[in-house]
Amino acid sequence: MTVKNMGEEAEKLREQLVEWRRRIHSNPELSFREFETSRLVAEELRKIEGMKVETEVGVTGVVGTLTRGTGKTVALRADMDALPIMEAGERPYRSQNPGVMHACGHDAHTAILLGAARLLGQVFRREDVGGTVKLLFQPAEEHTGAAGSTGAPRMMEDGVLDGVEEVIALHMNPERPVGEVQMNDGYTMASVDTFQGTLYGTGGHGAYPHLGTDPTWMLLPVLQALHGIVARRISPLEPAVVSVGQIHAGTASNVIPSEVFIQGTIRTYTPETRERMAEELEKAFSLATALGGNCHFQVERGEPGLYNNPGVNGVIREAIRDLFPEMKVHSGPFGMGAEDFSYMTEAVPGAMFFLGCAIPDGVHRDLHTPIFDIDEGCLPVGAAILAEAALRLLKKDGKR
């Protein structure tokens, strides 16, 4: 199959891709509960000649494998879970599960990877292809399960990356229209850590504050120091964010509480800045000791920063250039959000690109909002890019 034919074959799948995406969209399932989605994926993969299918990988994940001859092994990944959001609007394919919605495009990711599987199946059946492509349909990108981890590390524990030399994923980008992509070499999404701290005083009667120590008074300098970390303790050349999400204290208007609880998020790109942020936060909380109180502080580590391998990105760029010569390729990181695909690119060279999907009507439908939706014209585009890039990765010289 030539590069031109790859794009044409992907376009022939448009109706099927839309049907898959809308079927998944109307039946969204939360993290590690993707039972019907996994069943659909497995059924469709089994229709592809030569496809080996494994289910219940990483709890509810599905892995499809195409192998022919000898050669390297590459992987393509899509996430399948939805979010606890009530969908707005009256689309015919709207969520039928109240309070659950595909508001991050994972329905599209899953449909696109199924399309790429179809395209790759055609190539493996008709052409002299050597090597293996693994199709990773991952659960639980959004939330952790009882074991405290998201779907990527759970699938990795089950060996999905064993022998894999490169891995690719894509993500919907509602900031750009169909026909545009965004890519970035190096770090492109943030690590995500949660901090928790408690300031301790003695508490006391609200009428006699001088008889004890007041942790609400200690809170102000702690917050000032905390919010000053990014501005004055971290290099302005290093992306970093610290935000407070919760503050809890007290039970009555005339009782000075004995403790104040603070919780928030830390976002960074590089491991060095990640460590520095935790150290500076602990210093900020320790101000309570200088003010006559005490404190407890801890950081819970989440996903690492998403690092895109420049070499893998280069193969994706070549595939895009040859498939869609008119496509606009924007450079730059995607932001301070997090993606658990980062666990995979930390283990093997890999990259994620961001596929334009904005509906051209002037309405801003951001990720994780009740009105999120996509221009389904992006579906065959994404399927063609994934399939073509995977085939090029199987070739050492990156050419077909």
Protein backbone atom coordinates (compact mmCIF):
# COMPACT_ATOMS: atom_id res chain seq x y z
CA MET A 1 0.00 0.00 0.00
CA THR A 2 1.49 3.31 -1.05
CA VAL A 3 1.35 6.39 1.14
CA LYS A 4 -1.34 7.83 -1.13
CA ASN A 5 -3.37 4.64 -0.89
CA MET A 6 -3.06 4.70 2.92
CA GLY A 7 -4.83 8.03 3.02
CA GLU A 8 -7.46 6.85 0.54
CA GLU A 9 -8.10 3.61 2.45
CA ALA A 10 -8.44 5.57 5.69
CA GLU A 11 -11.00 7.84 4.06
CA LYS A 12 -12.99 4.77 2.96
CA LEU A 13 -13.28 3.89 6.66
CA ARG A 14 -14.84 7.25 7.57
CA GLU A 15 -18.39 5.94 8.00
CA GLN A 16 -17.19 3.01 10.10
CA LEU A 17 -14.97 5.25 12.22
CA VAL A 18 -17.87 7.60 12.92
CA GLU A 19 -20.10 4.66 13.84
CA TRP A 20 -17.51 3.30 16.29
CA ARG A 21 -16.89 6.71 17.82
CA ARG A 22 -20.57 7.51 18.31
CA ARG A 23 -21.32 4.06 19.71
CA ILE A 24 -18.55 4.47 22.28
CA HIS A 25 -19.55 8.08 22.98
CA SER A 26 -23.14 7.12 23.76
CA ASN A 27 -22.00 4.44 26.22
CA PRO A 28 -19.17 6.08 28.19
CA GLU A 29 -17.55 4.09 30.99
CA LEU A 30 -15.39 5.29 33.87
CA SER A 31 -11.82 4.19 34.61
CA PHE A 32 -11.36 0.43 35.00
CA ARG A 33 -15.05 -0.07 34.17
CA GLU A 34 -14.67 -0.05 30.38
CA PHE A 35 -16.37 -3.43 30.01
CA GLU A 36 -18.58 -2.75 26.97
CA THR A 37 -15.90 -0.64 25.28
CA SER A 38 -13.34 -3.41 25.72
CA ARG A 39 -15.83 -5.95 24.39
CA LEU A 40 -16.43 -3.84 21.29
CA VAL A 41 -12.70 -3.38 20.71
CA ALA A 42 -11.98 -7.10 21.06
CA GLU A 43 -14.83 -8.03 18.70
CA GLU A 44 -13.60 -5.64 16.02
CA LEU A 45 -9.98 -6.71 16.34
CA ARG A 46 -10.93 -10.37 15.93
CA LYS A 47 -12.39 -9.54 12.52
CA ILE A 48 -8.89 -8.67 11.26
CA GLU A 49 -7.06 -11.59 9.70
CA GLY A 50 -3.92 -12.55 11.59
CA MET A 51 -4.75 -10.44 14.65
CA LYS A 52 -3.95 -11.94 18.04
CA VAL A 53 -6.24 -10.50 20.72
CA GLU A 54 -5.69 -10.40 24.48
CA THR A 55 -8.32 -9.09 26.92
CA GLU A 56 -8.33 -8.10 30.60
CA VAL A 57 -4.83 -6.67 30.26
CA GLY A 58 -4.20 -4.14 33.00
CA VAL A 59 -7.69 -4.98 34.34
CA THR A 60 -9.91 -3.95 31.40
CA GLY A 61 -7.41 -3.27 28.62
CA VAL A 62 -7.21 -4.98 25.23
CA VAL A 63 -4.09 -5.71 23.19
CA GLY A 64 -4.10 -6.61 19.51
CA THR A 65 -0.92 -7.91 17.89
CA LEU A 66 -0.02 -8.22 14.20
CA THR A 67 3.18 -10.11 13.39
CA ARG A 68 4.79 -11.15 10.15
CA GLY A 69 8.28 -12.53 9.73
CA THR A 70 11.01 -11.09 11.87
CA GLY A 71 11.85 -7.54 12.74
CA LYS A 72 11.34 -4.88 15.36
CA THR A 73 8.26 -4.33 17.51
CA VAL A 74 6.42 -1.02 17.74
CA ALA A 75 3.23 -0.09 19.60
CA LEU A 76 0.28 2.25 19.14
CA ARG A 77 -1.77 3.27 22.16
CA ALA A 78 -5.27 4.69 22.72
CA ASP A 79 -7.10 5.30 26.00
CA MET A 80 -10.74 4.23 26.46
CA ASP A 81 -12.19 5.70 29.68
CA ALA A 82 -14.65 8.56 30.17
CA LEU A 83 -15.09 11.25 32.83
CA PRO A 84 -17.66 11.85 35.60
CA ILE A 85 -19.27 14.78 33.75
CA MET A 86 -22.93 15.34 32.83
CA GLU A 87 -23.07 15.92 29.07
CA ALA A 88 -24.82 19.05 27.81
CA GLY A 89 -26.67 19.33 24.52
CA GLU A 90 -29.01 17.08 22.56
CA ARG A 91 -26.75 15.31 20.08
CA PRO A 92 -28.24 12.04 18.81
CA TYR A 93 -25.17 10.20 20.08
CA ARG A 94 -25.10 11.89 23.50
CA SER A 95 -24.24 9.87 26.60
CA GLN A 96 -26.85 7.39 27.75
CA ASN A 97 -25.11 7.04 31.12
CA PRO A 98 -26.14 10.02 33.29
CA GLY A 99 -23.18 11.79 34.85
CA VAL A 100 -20.60 10.06 32.63
CA MET A 101 -19.24 11.57 29.41
CA HIS A 102 -16.45 11.23 26.88
CA ALA A 103 -15.27 14.79 27.45
CA CYS A 104 -11.61 14.20 26.61
CA GLY A 105 -11.88 12.48 23.24
CA HIS A 106 -11.01 8.95 24.31
CA ASP A 107 -13.94 7.69 22.24
CA ALA A 108 -12.24 9.19 19.20
CA HIS A 109 -8.84 7.82 20.22
CA THR A 110 -10.30 4.31 20.46
CA ALA A 111 -12.11 4.56 17.12
CA ILE A 112 -8.97 5.92 15.42
CA LEU A 113 -6.81 3.08 16.73
CA LEU A 114 -9.40 0.54 15.55
CA GLY A 115 -9.18 2.20 12.14
CA ALA A 116 -5.39 2.03 12.20
CA ALA A 117 -5.69 -1.67 13.09
CA ARG A 118 -7.86 -2.24 10.01
CA LEU A 119 -5.38 -0.42 7.78
CA LEU A 120 -2.41 -2.29 9.22
CA GLY A 121 -4.25 -5.58 8.84
CA GLN A 122 -4.61 -4.89 5.12
CA VAL A 123 -0.90 -4.13 4.78
CA PHE A 124 0.23 -7.17 6.78
CA ARG A 125 -2.04 -9.40 4.68
CA ARG A 126 -1.02 -8.08 1.26
CA GLU A 127 2.56 -6.89 1.56
CA ASP A 128 5.97 -8.15 2.61
CA VAL A 129 6.08 -6.53 6.03
CA GLY A 130 8.53 -7.74 8.65
CA GLY A 131 7.98 -7.09 12.34
CA THR A 132 5.26 -6.64 14.92
CA VAL A 133 2.76 -3.92 15.72
CA LYS A 134 1.02 -4.00 19.10
CA LEU A 135 -2.25 -2.09 19.48
CA LEU A 136 -2.71 -1.03 23.10
CA PHE A 137 -6.26 -0.11 24.11
CA GLN A 138 -5.66 1.25 27.57
CA PRO A 139 -8.13 1.68 30.44
CA ALA A 140 -8.12 4.34 33.12
CA GLU A 141 -6.05 7.24 31.84
CA GLU A 142 -8.13 9.67 33.88
CA HIS A 143 -8.30 8.09 37.33
CA THR A 144 -6.53 5.56 39.51
CA GLY A 145 -8.08 2.34 40.71
CA ALA A 146 -7.99 0.69 44.12
CA ALA A 147 -4.31 -0.13 43.55
CA GLY A 148 -3.53 3.59 43.28
CA SER A 149 -2.30 3.68 39.68
CA THR A 150 -3.77 4.58 36.31
CA GLY A 151 -4.05 2.25 33.34
CA ALA A 152 -0.67 2.74 31.67
CA PRO A 153 1.46 1.35 34.52
CA ARG A 154 -1.07 -1.43 35.09
CA MET A 155 -0.74 -2.52 31.45
CA MET A 156 3.03 -2.21 31.64
CA GLU A 157 3.03 -4.50 34.67
CA ASP A 158 1.29 -7.04 32.43
CA GLY A 159 4.15 -6.78 29.94
CA VAL A 160 2.62 -4.82 27.05
CA LEU A 161 5.90 -3.01 26.35
CA ASP A 162 8.11 -6.08 26.58
CA GLY A 163 10.20 -6.07 23.41
CA VAL A 164 8.65 -2.82 22.16
CA GLU A 165 11.19 -0.41 20.68
CA GLU A 166 8.96 2.65 20.05
CA VAL A 167 5.44 3.67 21.00
CA ILE A 168 3.09 6.32 19.55
CA ALA A 169 -0.18 7.88 20.71
CA LEU A 170 -2.36 10.80 19.71
CA HIS A 171 -4.72 13.15 21.53
CA MET A 172 -7.62 15.31 20.43
CA ASN A 173 -6.79 19.01 20.21
CA PRO A 174 -9.92 21.22 20.26
CA GLU A 175 -7.75 24.31 19.91
CA ARG A 176 -7.06 23.53 16.26
CA PRO A 177 -9.26 22.54 13.29
CA VAL A 178 -9.09 19.37 11.23
CA GLY A 179 -6.06 19.60 8.95
CA GLU A 180 -3.71 20.83 11.67
CA VAL A 181 -1.59 19.02 14.25
CA GLN A 182 0.59 20.13 17.14
CA MET A 183 3.87 18.41 17.98
CA ASN A 184 6.79 19.05 20.27
CA ASP A 185 10.21 17.48 20.79
CA GLY A 186 11.08 16.89 24.43
CA TYR A 187 8.74 17.59 27.35
CA THR A 188 5.26 18.56 26.16
CA MET A 189 2.93 17.81 29.11
CA ALA A 190 3.57 18.09 32.81
CA SER A 191 4.24 15.75 35.67
CA VAL A 192 1.44 15.89 38.23
CA ASP A 193 1.97 15.64 41.98
CA THR A 194 -0.43 16.33 44.83
CA PHE A 195 0.78 18.03 48.01
CA GLN A 196 -0.92 17.89 51.38
CA GLY A 197 0.06 19.85 54.45
CA THR A 198 -1.35 20.56 57.90
CA LEU A 199 -0.48 23.55 60.07
CA TYR A 200 -0.80 22.86 63.79
CA GLY A 201 -1.41 25.26 66.65
CA THR A 202 -3.05 24.95 70.05
CA GLY A 203 -6.38 26.46 69.05
CA GLY A 204 -8.48 28.14 71.70
CA HIS A 205 -11.36 30.50 72.46
CA GLY A 206 -11.97 33.11 69.77
CA ALA A 207 -12.22 35.82 72.45
CA TYR A 208 -8.75 35.04 73.87
CA PRO A 209 -6.41 34.46 70.90
CA HIS A 210 -3.38 35.59 72.91
CA LEU A 211 -3.62 32.50 75.12
CA GLY A 212 -2.78 30.05 72.34
CA THR A 213 -1.32 29.69 68.87
CA ASP A 214 -3.55 30.18 65.84
CA PRO A 215 -2.83 28.12 62.66
CA THR A 216 -5.13 30.36 60.60
CA TRP A 217 -2.75 33.24 61.34
CA MET A 218 0.18 31.03 60.22
CA LEU A 219 -1.69 30.26 57.01
CA LEU A 220 -1.14 33.69 55.44
CA PRO A 221 2.70 33.68 55.38
CA VAL A 222 2.68 30.01 54.33
CA LEU A 223 0.43 30.81 51.37
CA GLN A 224 2.52 33.85 50.44
CA ALA A 225 5.67 31.72 50.44
CA LEU A 226 3.93 28.94 48.55
CA HIS A 227 2.68 31.19 45.76
CA GLY A 228 6.06 32.90 45.55
CA ILE A 229 7.91 29.68 44.69
CA VAL A 230 7.28 29.80 40.95
CA ALA A 231 7.82 33.55 40.77
CA ARG A 232 11.05 33.75 42.77
CA ARG A 233 12.50 30.29 43.47
CA ILE A 234 12.18 28.56 40.09
CA SER A 235 13.87 29.71 36.88
CA PRO A 236 11.46 31.60 34.60
CA LEU A 237 12.73 29.33 31.81
CA GLU A 238 11.32 26.25 33.54
CA PRO A 239 7.56 25.52 33.26
CA ALA A 240 6.12 25.10 36.76
CA VAL A 241 2.78 25.56 38.49
CA VAL A 242 1.65 25.23 42.10
CA SER A 243 -2.04 25.73 42.89
CA VAL A 244 -4.00 25.37 46.12
CA GLY A 245 -7.24 23.48 45.67
CA GLN A 246 -8.45 22.95 49.23
CA ILE A 247 -8.17 24.69 52.61
CA HIS A 248 -10.10 23.28 55.56
CA ALA A 249 -10.20 24.56 59.13
CA GLY A 250 -12.50 25.13 62.05
CA THR A 251 -15.91 24.06 63.35
CA ALA A 252 -17.44 27.18 64.90
CA SER A 253 -17.26 30.97 64.70
CA ASN A 254 -15.89 31.44 68.22
CA VAL A 255 -13.38 28.58 68.24
CA ILE A 256 -9.85 29.04 66.97
CA PRO A 257 -9.03 25.73 65.23
CA SER A 258 -6.03 23.70 66.25
CA GLU A 259 -5.11 22.82 62.67
CA VAL A 260 -5.49 23.95 59.05
CA PHE A 261 -5.37 21.45 56.19
CA ILE A 262 -4.09 22.55 52.76
CA GLN A 263 -4.03 20.52 49.55
CA GLY A 264 -3.04 21.37 46.00
CA THR A 265 -1.33 20.35 42.78
CA ILE A 266 2.23 20.68 41.47
CA ARG A 267 2.94 20.68 37.73
CA THR A 268 6.43 20.63 36.22
CA TYR A 269 8.23 19.37 33.12
CA THR A 270 11.72 18.25 34.10
CA PRO A 271 12.62 15.83 36.94
CA GLU A 272 15.00 18.43 38.38
CA THR A 273 12.30 21.09 38.68
CA ARG A 274 9.90 18.50 40.07
CA GLU A 275 12.31 17.78 42.95
CA ARG A 276 13.01 21.47 43.53
CA MET A 277 9.30 22.29 43.78
CA ALA A 278 8.74 19.67 46.49
CA GLU A 279 11.70 20.98 48.47
CA GLU A 280 10.53 24.60 48.26
CA LEU A 281 6.98 23.68 49.26
CA GLU A 282 8.24 21.93 52.35
CA LYS A 283 10.22 25.07 53.26
CA ALA A 284 7.06 27.17 52.87
CA PHE A 285 5.11 24.94 55.24
CA SER A 286 7.95 24.96 57.77
CA LEU A 287 7.29 28.67 58.41
CA ALA A 288 4.62 27.48 60.82
CA THR A 289 7.39 26.30 63.16
CA ALA A 290 8.98 29.76 63.25
CA LEU A 291 5.57 31.19 64.22
CA GLY A 292 5.16 28.93 67.23
CA GLY A 293 3.28 26.10 65.59
CA ASN A 294 4.13 22.90 63.79
CA CYS A 295 3.44 21.29 60.44
CA HIS A 296 3.21 18.07 58.50
CA PHE A 297 3.88 17.98 54.76
CA GLN A 298 3.87 15.27 52.09
CA VAL A 299 3.84 14.90 48.31
CA GLU A 300 2.05 12.13 46.44
CA ARG A 301 3.73 11.41 43.13
CA GLY A 302 1.59 11.06 40.01
CA GLU A 303 2.44 10.84 36.32
CA PRO A 304 5.89 11.94 35.14
CA GLY A 305 6.25 14.61 32.49
CA LEU A 306 5.42 13.48 28.95
CA TYR A 307 8.67 13.35 27.01
CA ASN A 308 8.44 13.11 23.21
CA ASN A 309 11.43 11.43 21.60
CA PRO A 310 12.68 13.66 18.73
CA GLY A 311 13.49 10.65 16.54
CA VAL A 312 10.01 9.16 16.87
CA ASN A 313 8.50 12.60 16.28
CA GLY A 314 10.58 12.87 13.13
CA VAL A 315 9.03 9.69 11.72
CA ILE A 316 5.54 10.98 12.54
CA ARG A 317 6.33 14.30 10.82
CA GLU A 318 7.52 12.47 7.71
CA ALA A 319 4.35 10.38 7.64
CA ILE A 320 2.19 13.52 7.95
CA ARG A 321 4.16 15.35 5.27
CA ASP A 322 3.76 12.52 2.76
CA LEU A 323 0.14 11.69 3.63
CA PHE A 324 -1.16 15.25 3.89
CA PRO A 325 1.24 17.72 2.25
CA GLU A 326 -1.06 20.67 3.00
CA MET A 327 -1.41 19.89 6.70
CA LYS A 328 -0.21 22.58 9.10
CA VAL A 329 2.18 21.22 11.73
CA HIS A 330 2.49 23.52 14.73
CA SER A 331 5.42 23.25 17.12
CA GLY A 332 5.18 23.75 20.87
CA PRO A 333 4.28 21.96 24.08
CA PHE A 334 0.63 21.17 24.77
CA GLY A 335 0.54 22.65 28.28
CA MET A 336 0.61 21.86 31.98
CA GLY A 337 -2.00 19.12 31.90
CA ALA A 338 -0.87 15.54 32.47
CA GLU A 339 -1.07 12.30 30.48
CA ASP A 340 -0.30 8.83 31.80
CA PHE A 341 1.12 7.89 28.39
CA SER A 342 4.18 9.53 29.95
CA TYR A 343 4.87 6.28 31.83
CA MET A 344 5.26 4.53 28.48
CA THR A 345 7.53 7.17 26.94
CA GLU A 346 9.61 7.06 30.12
CA ALA A 347 10.14 3.32 29.54
CA VAL A 348 10.73 3.29 25.74
CA PRO A 349 11.21 5.99 23.11
CA GLY A 350 7.83 7.36 22.12
CA ALA A 351 5.80 10.41 21.21
CA MET A 352 2.26 11.80 21.31
CA PHE A 353 0.92 14.23 18.74
CA PHE A 354 -2.17 16.42 19.08
CA LEU A 355 -4.71 16.16 16.29
CA GLY A 356 -6.88 19.14 15.38
CA CYS A 357 -10.57 18.35 15.91
CA ALA A 358 -12.35 21.70 16.44
CA ILE A 359 -15.81 22.04 14.91
CA PRO A 360 -15.65 25.15 12.68
CA ASP A 361 -18.60 27.03 14.16
CA GLY A 362 -16.85 29.44 16.52
CA VAL A 363 -17.90 27.59 19.71
CA HIS A 364 -15.02 26.76 22.03
CA ARG A 365 -15.47 23.16 23.19
CA ASP A 366 -12.60 22.61 25.58
CA LEU A 367 -11.46 19.28 26.97
CA HIS A 368 -13.19 18.17 30.20
CA THR A 369 -16.23 20.39 29.62
CA PRO A 370 -19.90 19.30 29.28
CA ILE A 371 -20.09 20.59 25.69
CA PHE A 372 -16.93 18.94 24.36
CA ASP A 373 -17.35 17.46 20.89
CA ILE A 374 -15.24 16.95 17.77
CA ASP A 375 -15.29 17.38 14.02
CA GLU A 376 -15.36 13.71 13.03
CA GLY A 377 -13.38 14.51 9.89
CA CYS A 378 -10.32 14.06 12.10
CA LEU A 379 -10.97 10.32 12.49
CA PRO A 380 -9.63 9.02 9.14
CA VAL A 381 -6.78 11.53 9.34
CA GLY A 382 -5.66 10.16 12.70
CA ALA A 383 -6.02 6.53 11.60
CA ALA A 384 -3.88 7.11 8.50
CA ILE A 385 -1.13 8.90 10.45
CA LEU A 386 -0.93 6.21 13.13
CA ALA A 387 -0.83 3.34 10.62
CA GLU A 388 1.69 5.02 8.33
CA ALA A 389 3.97 6.06 11.21
CA ALA A 390 3.91 2.53 12.64
CA LEU A 391 4.94 1.03 9.30
CA ARG A 392 7.76 3.55 8.95
CA LEU A 393 9.02 2.74 12.43
CA LEU A 394 9.25 -0.91 11.38
CA LYS A 395 11.71 0.20 8.71
CA LYS A 396 15.09 1.20 10.11
CA ASP A 397 15.55 3.96 7.55
CA GLY A 398 12.04 5.37 8.23
CA LYS A 399 11.06 5.13 4.54
CA ARG A 400 8.47 3.15 2.60
